Each structure stands twice: as C-alpha cells, then as structure tokens.
Protein backbone atom coordinates (compact mmCIF):
# COMPACT_ATOMS: atom_id res chain seq x y z
CA ALA A 1 67.94 112.62 204.81
CA ARG A 2 69.90 113.71 201.76
CA VAL A 3 67.89 111.43 199.45
CA SER A 4 64.58 112.73 200.68
CA TRP A 5 65.63 116.28 199.74
CA ILE A 6 66.61 115.12 196.26
CA GLN A 7 63.26 113.35 195.94
CA ILE A 8 61.40 116.44 197.18
CA LEU A 9 63.25 118.58 194.66
CA TRP A 10 62.53 116.12 191.82
CA GLU A 11 58.82 116.06 192.70
CA ASP A 12 58.55 119.86 192.82
CA PRO A 13 56.05 121.10 190.18
CA ALA A 14 58.54 123.63 188.76
CA ILE A 15 61.17 120.92 188.27
CA GLN A 16 58.58 118.64 186.66
CA LYS A 17 57.52 121.48 184.33
CA ALA A 18 61.15 122.04 183.36
CA TYR A 19 61.53 118.30 182.75
CA GLU A 20 58.49 118.34 180.44
CA ASN A 21 60.39 120.87 178.32
CA SER A 22 63.71 119.04 178.52
CA ASN A 23 63.90 118.75 174.73
CA ARG A 24 64.76 122.46 174.73
CA PHE A 25 67.99 121.98 176.65
CA GLN A 26 70.60 119.31 177.13
CA LEU A 27 69.31 116.83 179.70
CA ILE A 28 70.33 113.20 179.54
CA ASP A 29 67.35 111.11 178.45
CA THR A 30 67.67 108.73 181.41
CA CYS A 31 67.27 111.48 183.99
CA LYS A 32 63.70 110.47 184.86
CA TYR A 33 64.64 106.82 185.27
CA PHE A 34 67.44 107.59 187.71
CA MET A 35 65.56 110.32 189.59
CA ASP A 36 62.55 108.04 190.02
CA SER A 37 64.95 105.42 191.42
CA ILE A 38 66.94 107.76 193.66
CA ASP A 39 65.91 106.06 196.93
CA ARG A 40 67.11 102.69 195.65
CA ILE A 41 70.30 104.09 194.11
CA ALA A 42 71.27 106.11 197.19
CA ASP A 43 70.83 103.13 199.50
CA GLY A 44 74.09 102.12 201.16
CA GLU A 45 73.55 98.53 199.96
CA TYR A 46 72.91 99.60 196.35
CA ILE A 47 73.91 97.11 193.66
CA PRO A 48 73.21 98.22 190.08
CA GLU A 49 70.46 96.35 188.27
CA VAL A 50 70.76 95.42 184.60
CA ASP A 51 68.55 98.38 183.64
CA ASP A 52 70.77 100.74 185.64
CA ILE A 53 73.78 99.61 183.65
CA LEU A 54 71.99 99.69 180.30
CA ARG A 55 70.71 103.21 180.94
CA THR A 56 74.06 104.72 181.84
CA ARG A 57 75.94 106.80 179.34
CA VAL A 58 79.58 107.63 179.12
CA ARG A 59 80.27 110.53 176.81
CA THR A 60 82.79 109.53 174.18
CA THR A 61 85.75 111.79 173.65
CA GLY A 62 88.41 110.99 171.13
CA ILE A 63 88.41 107.88 168.99
CA ILE A 64 87.98 104.48 170.61
CA GLU A 65 88.73 101.29 168.69
CA ILE A 66 87.41 97.90 169.77
CA ASP A 67 88.54 94.70 168.04
CA PHE A 68 86.31 91.65 168.31
CA THR A 69 85.61 88.32 166.62
CA MET A 70 82.17 87.08 165.71
CA GLU A 71 81.49 83.86 163.82
CA ASN A 72 85.22 83.51 163.06
CA LYS A 73 85.41 86.95 161.43
CA GLN A 74 87.52 89.82 162.73
CA TYR A 75 85.84 93.17 163.21
CA LYS A 76 86.98 96.56 164.34
CA MET A 77 84.41 98.89 165.81
CA VAL A 78 85.43 102.53 165.91
CA ASP A 79 83.55 104.93 168.15
CA VAL A 80 84.41 108.36 166.81
CA GLY A 81 82.30 110.25 169.29
CA GLY A 82 79.28 112.23 168.19
CA GLN A 83 80.48 115.55 169.49
CA ARG A 84 80.93 118.20 166.83
CA ASN A 85 84.51 118.99 167.89
CA GLU A 86 85.49 115.33 167.28
CA ARG A 87 84.31 115.23 163.66
CA LYS A 88 87.54 116.53 162.12
CA LYS A 89 89.29 113.43 163.47
CA TRP A 90 86.91 111.02 161.72
CA ILE A 91 88.58 111.16 158.29
CA HIS A 92 91.50 109.12 159.61
CA CYS A 93 89.15 106.27 160.52
CA PHE A 94 87.97 105.57 156.97
CA GLU A 95 90.99 103.80 155.45
CA ASP A 96 90.19 100.24 154.26
CA VAL A 97 86.59 100.54 155.45
CA THR A 98 84.04 98.10 154.00
CA ALA A 99 80.99 99.24 155.99
CA VAL A 100 79.87 102.19 158.05
CA ILE A 101 77.06 102.03 160.59
CA PHE A 102 75.81 105.27 162.10
CA VAL A 103 74.23 104.89 165.53
CA ALA A 104 72.17 107.65 167.07
CA THR A 105 69.82 107.78 170.01
CA ILE A 106 66.19 108.01 168.98
CA SER A 107 65.43 110.01 172.11
CA GLY A 108 67.31 112.96 170.62
CA PHE A 109 65.01 113.44 167.64
CA ASN A 110 63.29 116.52 169.11
CA GLN A 111 66.13 118.02 171.11
CA THR A 112 67.33 121.53 170.49
CA TYR A 113 70.89 121.58 169.15
CA PHE A 114 73.33 123.03 171.66
CA ARG A 115 76.68 124.40 170.54
CA GLY A 116 79.14 124.10 173.35
C-alpha cells in the first residue's frame, strides 16, 4: 500500500510539473529513474540491478584517496569532493602531482547553483 501512495504522488501533475523545472533546485538527476522503478525497488524481494547501482550517488565529504595498479603502474586517485566547503582542503592534495583530471556530471550543466 505504501508504494502505491508514492507512485500516486510521483504521477501527480503538480509533482511532474515541479520535476520538469528541477534544474532550478537541487534534485538528484536519477530521481526519475528511481521513482519510475519504485514498485520494483520497494518489493520485499528486491535485488539491485546493475543500473540501480550505477545510478546511485554517495555525496563525497572530505578527501578520499584510492590506490590502485593498472598495467603495472601505481596510481592514486584522490576524490576531493565537489562541495564548495571542501575546496580549501584541496591544496594539500597537489604535492608531487603529474596529472589532474576534473570529473563533473553533465546533467548539472543547467542547474541553478545552490549555496548551502
């Protein structure tokens, strides 16, 4: 019963109109995917599909370092978090750096910036 109420709410025209304008406020870009799949996800026998896992997001806080080896070369990936309040910590991550790769979600190109 609970799922049907969530589905009814999601299908409400006012909610859909708000979703159409979701670039004006902070709404995770996978909201539609998960809301359209709510019946499957809320099932007691739910097992995440590959797409479910790929579409999840864990907000990074702090600095996370991941060491890995690829083709016999050692690499260190540093996730410095994209949040504005984390940026002052980034300077400490740039000692002995030979390359920097900036990764950003393309779905955020038209989102309104939110200071929080």
